[in-house]
Amino acid sequence: MTTSELGLAKLLESLLRSHLGELERRLESLERREHFDRSGPPTGVEALPQQSLLLRAREAASLMTLSERKLWELTNRGEILSVRIGRAVRYDPADLREWIESNKRSGGI
């Protein structure tokens, strides 16, 4: 396996693990919802969303299959919106999806 193939394999493995984790969280959420449907609405920690509301730069870049450097470049140019909390920079998944949609182009010349 070449270095680039190894890197791609590691990226794919990481993405698969991420998606598997998300599916497991959704299944747990559905199981809890089924339980709470019988006993009333969830309160406290159970009422919080299972998915993060904001992503770190590394997570956002990975999901978009970009390097962190390219993500920072797009952020600094104002092309991708970010949320600053003190020194921390976070990304709203909805903003990332919006940027992707606005940058889609049809094929052809």
C-alpha atoms as a PDB file:
ATOM      1  CA  MET A   1       0.000   0.000   0.000  1.00  0.00           C
ATOM      2  CA  THR A   2       1.373   3.413  -0.916  1.00  0.00           C
ATOM      3  CA  THR A   3       1.513   6.289   1.537  1.00  0.00           C
ATOM      4  CA  SER A   4      -1.427   8.043  -0.126  1.00  0.00           C
ATOM      5  CA  GLU A   5      -3.486   4.831  -0.109  1.00  0.00           C
ATOM      6  CA  LEU A   6      -2.670   4.336   3.564  1.00  0.00           C
ATOM      7  CA  GLY A   7      -3.733   7.899   4.311  1.00  0.00           C
ATOM      8  CA  LEU A   8      -6.974   7.418   2.400  1.00  0.00           C
ATOM      9  CA  ALA A   9      -7.628   4.146   4.212  1.00  0.00           C
ATOM     10  CA  LYS A  10      -7.133   5.860   7.582  1.00  0.00           C
ATOM     11  CA  LEU A  11      -9.478   8.698   6.565  1.00  0.00           C
ATOM     12  CA  LEU A  12     -12.140   6.234   5.451  1.00  0.00           C
ATOM     13  CA  GLU A  13     -11.774   4.270   8.673  1.00  0.00           C
ATOM     14  CA  SER A  14     -12.142   7.473  10.683  1.00  0.00           C
ATOM     15  CA  LEU A  15     -15.245   8.508   8.758  1.00  0.00           C
ATOM     16  CA  LEU A  16     -16.789   5.061   9.129  1.00  0.00           C
ATOM     17  CA  ARG A  17     -16.141   5.091  12.879  1.00  0.00           C
ATOM     18  CA  SER A  18     -17.658   8.567  13.105  1.00  0.00           C
ATOM     19  CA  HIS A  19     -20.760   7.483  11.218  1.00  0.00           C
ATOM     20  CA  LEU A  20     -21.026   4.280  13.236  1.00  0.00           C
ATOM     21  CA  GLY A  21     -20.870   6.326  16.429  1.00  0.00           C
ATOM     22  CA  GLU A  22     -23.575   8.644  15.113  1.00  0.00           C
ATOM     23  CA  LEU A  23     -25.806   5.681  14.208  1.00  0.00           C
ATOM     24  CA  GLU A  24     -25.296   4.185  17.665  1.00  0.00           C
ATOM     25  CA  ARG A  25     -26.237   7.527  19.286  1.00  0.00           C
ATOM     26  CA  ARG A  26     -29.354   7.782  17.131  1.00  0.00           C
ATOM     27  CA  LEU A  27     -30.366   4.241  18.026  1.00  0.00           C
ATOM     28  CA  GLU A  28     -29.890   5.013  21.730  1.00  0.00           C
ATOM     29  CA  SER A  29     -31.938   8.176  21.260  1.00  0.00           C
ATOM     30  CA  LEU A  30     -34.755   6.213  19.612  1.00  0.00           C
ATOM     31  CA  GLU A  31     -34.653   3.623  22.368  1.00  0.00           C
ATOM     32  CA  ARG A  32     -34.821   6.374  25.015  1.00  0.00           C
ATOM     33  CA  ARG A  33     -37.649   8.094  23.141  1.00  0.00           C
ATOM     34  CA  GLU A  34     -39.588   4.842  23.051  1.00  0.00           C
ATOM     35  CA  HIS A  35     -39.024   4.475  26.787  1.00  0.00           C
ATOM     36  CA  PHE A  36     -40.039   8.089  27.508  1.00  0.00           C
ATOM     37  CA  ASP A  37     -43.097   7.881  25.257  1.00  0.00           C
ATOM     38  CA  ARG A  38     -44.486   5.579  27.911  1.00  0.00           C
ATOM     39  CA  SER A  39     -43.231   7.463  30.946  1.00  0.00           C
ATOM     40  CA  GLY A  40     -43.441  11.125  29.883  1.00  0.00           C
ATOM     41  CA  PRO A  41     -41.109  13.590  28.180  1.00  0.00           C
ATOM     42  CA  PRO A  42     -37.370  13.521  28.885  1.00  0.00           C
ATOM     43  CA  THR A  43     -35.954  16.020  31.332  1.00  0.00           C
ATOM     44  CA  GLY A  44     -32.449  17.093  32.303  1.00  0.00           C
ATOM     45  CA  VAL A  45     -29.606  15.496  30.380  1.00  0.00           C
ATOM     46  CA  GLU A  46     -31.984  13.298  28.336  1.00  0.00           C
ATOM     47  CA  ALA A  47     -33.609  16.445  26.890  1.00  0.00           C
ATOM     48  CA  LEU A  48     -30.311  17.697  25.408  1.00  0.00           C
ATOM     49  CA  PRO A  49     -29.533  16.916  21.749  1.00  0.00           C
ATOM     50  CA  GLN A  50     -27.211  13.944  21.240  1.00  0.00           C
ATOM     51  CA  GLN A  51     -25.332  15.567  18.351  1.00  0.00           C
ATOM     52  CA  SER A  52     -22.998  18.486  18.981  1.00  0.00           C
ATOM     53  CA  LEU A  53     -24.511  21.805  17.998  1.00  0.00           C
ATOM     54  CA  LEU A  54     -21.113  23.137  16.901  1.00  0.00           C
ATOM     55  CA  LEU A  55     -18.056  21.462  15.386  1.00  0.00           C
ATOM     56  CA  ARG A  56     -14.377  22.077  16.030  1.00  0.00           C
ATOM     57  CA  ALA A  57     -12.233  23.017  13.038  1.00  0.00           C
ATOM     58  CA  ARG A  58     -10.751  19.512  12.790  1.00  0.00           C
ATOM     59  CA  GLU A  59     -14.219  17.914  12.803  1.00  0.00           C
ATOM     60  CA  ALA A  60     -15.594  20.389  10.254  1.00  0.00           C
ATOM     61  CA  ALA A  61     -12.596  19.966   7.940  1.00  0.00           C
ATOM     62  CA  SER A  62     -12.822  16.181   8.162  1.00  0.00           C
ATOM     63  CA  LEU A  63     -16.533  16.157   7.358  1.00  0.00           C
ATOM     64  CA  MET A  64     -15.955  18.417   4.367  1.00  0.00           C
ATOM     65  CA  THR A  65     -12.873  16.434   3.280  1.00  0.00           C
ATOM     66  CA  LEU A  66     -10.771  19.596   3.408  1.00  0.00           C
ATOM     67  CA  SER A  67      -7.529  20.267   5.182  1.00  0.00           C
ATOM     68  CA  GLU A  68      -7.762  22.390   8.315  1.00  0.00           C
ATOM     69  CA  ARG A  69      -5.556  24.951   6.579  1.00  0.00           C
ATOM     70  CA  LYS A  70      -8.024  25.271   3.683  1.00  0.00           C
ATOM     71  CA  LEU A  71     -10.919  25.586   6.145  1.00  0.00           C
ATOM     72  CA  TRP A  72      -9.084  28.397   7.982  1.00  0.00           C
ATOM     73  CA  GLU A  73      -8.378  30.081   4.656  1.00  0.00           C
ATOM     74  CA  LEU A  74     -12.073  29.993   3.689  1.00  0.00           C
ATOM     75  CA  THR A  75     -13.048  31.173   7.163  1.00  0.00           C
ATOM     76  CA  ASN A  76     -10.596  34.081   7.133  1.00  0.00           C
ATOM     77  CA  ARG A  77     -11.890  35.175   3.711  1.00  0.00           C
ATOM     78  CA  GLY A  78     -15.430  35.155   5.120  1.00  0.00           C
ATOM     79  CA  GLU A  79     -16.615  32.429   2.749  1.00  0.00           C
ATOM     80  CA  ILE A  80     -17.495  30.006   5.540  1.00  0.00           C
ATOM     81  CA  LEU A  81     -19.207  31.334   8.654  1.00  0.00           C
ATOM     82  CA  SER A  82     -17.826  30.510  12.075  1.00  0.00           C
ATOM     83  CA  VAL A  83     -18.785  31.080  15.689  1.00  0.00           C
ATOM     84  CA  ARG A  84     -16.167  32.545  17.994  1.00  0.00           C
ATOM     85  CA  ILE A  85     -16.401  31.833  21.701  1.00  0.00           C
ATOM     86  CA  GLY A  86     -13.451  33.594  23.268  1.00  0.00           C
ATOM     87  CA  ARG A  87     -10.458  32.192  21.392  1.00  0.00           C
ATOM     88  CA  ALA A  88     -12.322  29.062  20.300  1.00  0.00           C
ATOM     89  CA  VAL A  89     -13.636  28.854  16.738  1.00  0.00           C
ATOM     90  CA  ARG A  90     -16.560  26.552  16.028  1.00  0.00           C
ATOM     91  CA  TYR A  91     -18.657  25.753  12.966  1.00  0.00           C
ATOM     92  CA  ASP A  92     -22.408  25.254  12.671  1.00  0.00           C
ATOM     93  CA  PRO A  93     -23.116  22.179  10.496  1.00  0.00           C
ATOM     94  CA  ALA A  94     -26.025  24.066   8.875  1.00  0.00           C
ATOM     95  CA  ASP A  95     -23.607  26.811   7.741  1.00  0.00           C
ATOM     96  CA  LEU A  96     -21.274  24.181   6.269  1.00  0.00           C
ATOM     97  CA  ARG A  97     -24.149  22.571   4.354  1.00  0.00           C
ATOM     98  CA  GLU A  98     -25.246  26.001   3.093  1.00  0.00           C
ATOM     99  CA  TRP A  99     -21.716  26.761   1.863  1.00  0.00           C
ATOM    100  CA  ILE A 100     -21.569  23.395   0.082  1.00  0.00           C
ATOM    101  CA  GLU A 101     -24.938  24.007  -1.607  1.00  0.00           C
ATOM    102  CA  SER A 102     -23.934  27.502  -2.723  1.00  0.00           C
ATOM    103  CA  ASN A 103     -20.681  26.177  -4.213  1.00  0.00           C
ATOM    104  CA  LYS A 104     -22.139  23.277  -6.181  1.00  0.00           C
ATOM    105  CA  ARG A 105     -21.631  23.583  -9.904  1.00  0.00           C
ATOM    106  CA  SER A 106     -23.066  21.583 -12.749  1.00  0.00           C
ATOM    107  CA  GLY A 107     -20.641  19.613 -14.874  1.00  0.00           C
ATOM    108  CA  GLY A 108     -19.613  20.613 -18.341  1.00  0.00           C
ATOM    109  CA  ILE A 109     -17.802  23.542 -19.873  1.00  0.00           C
END
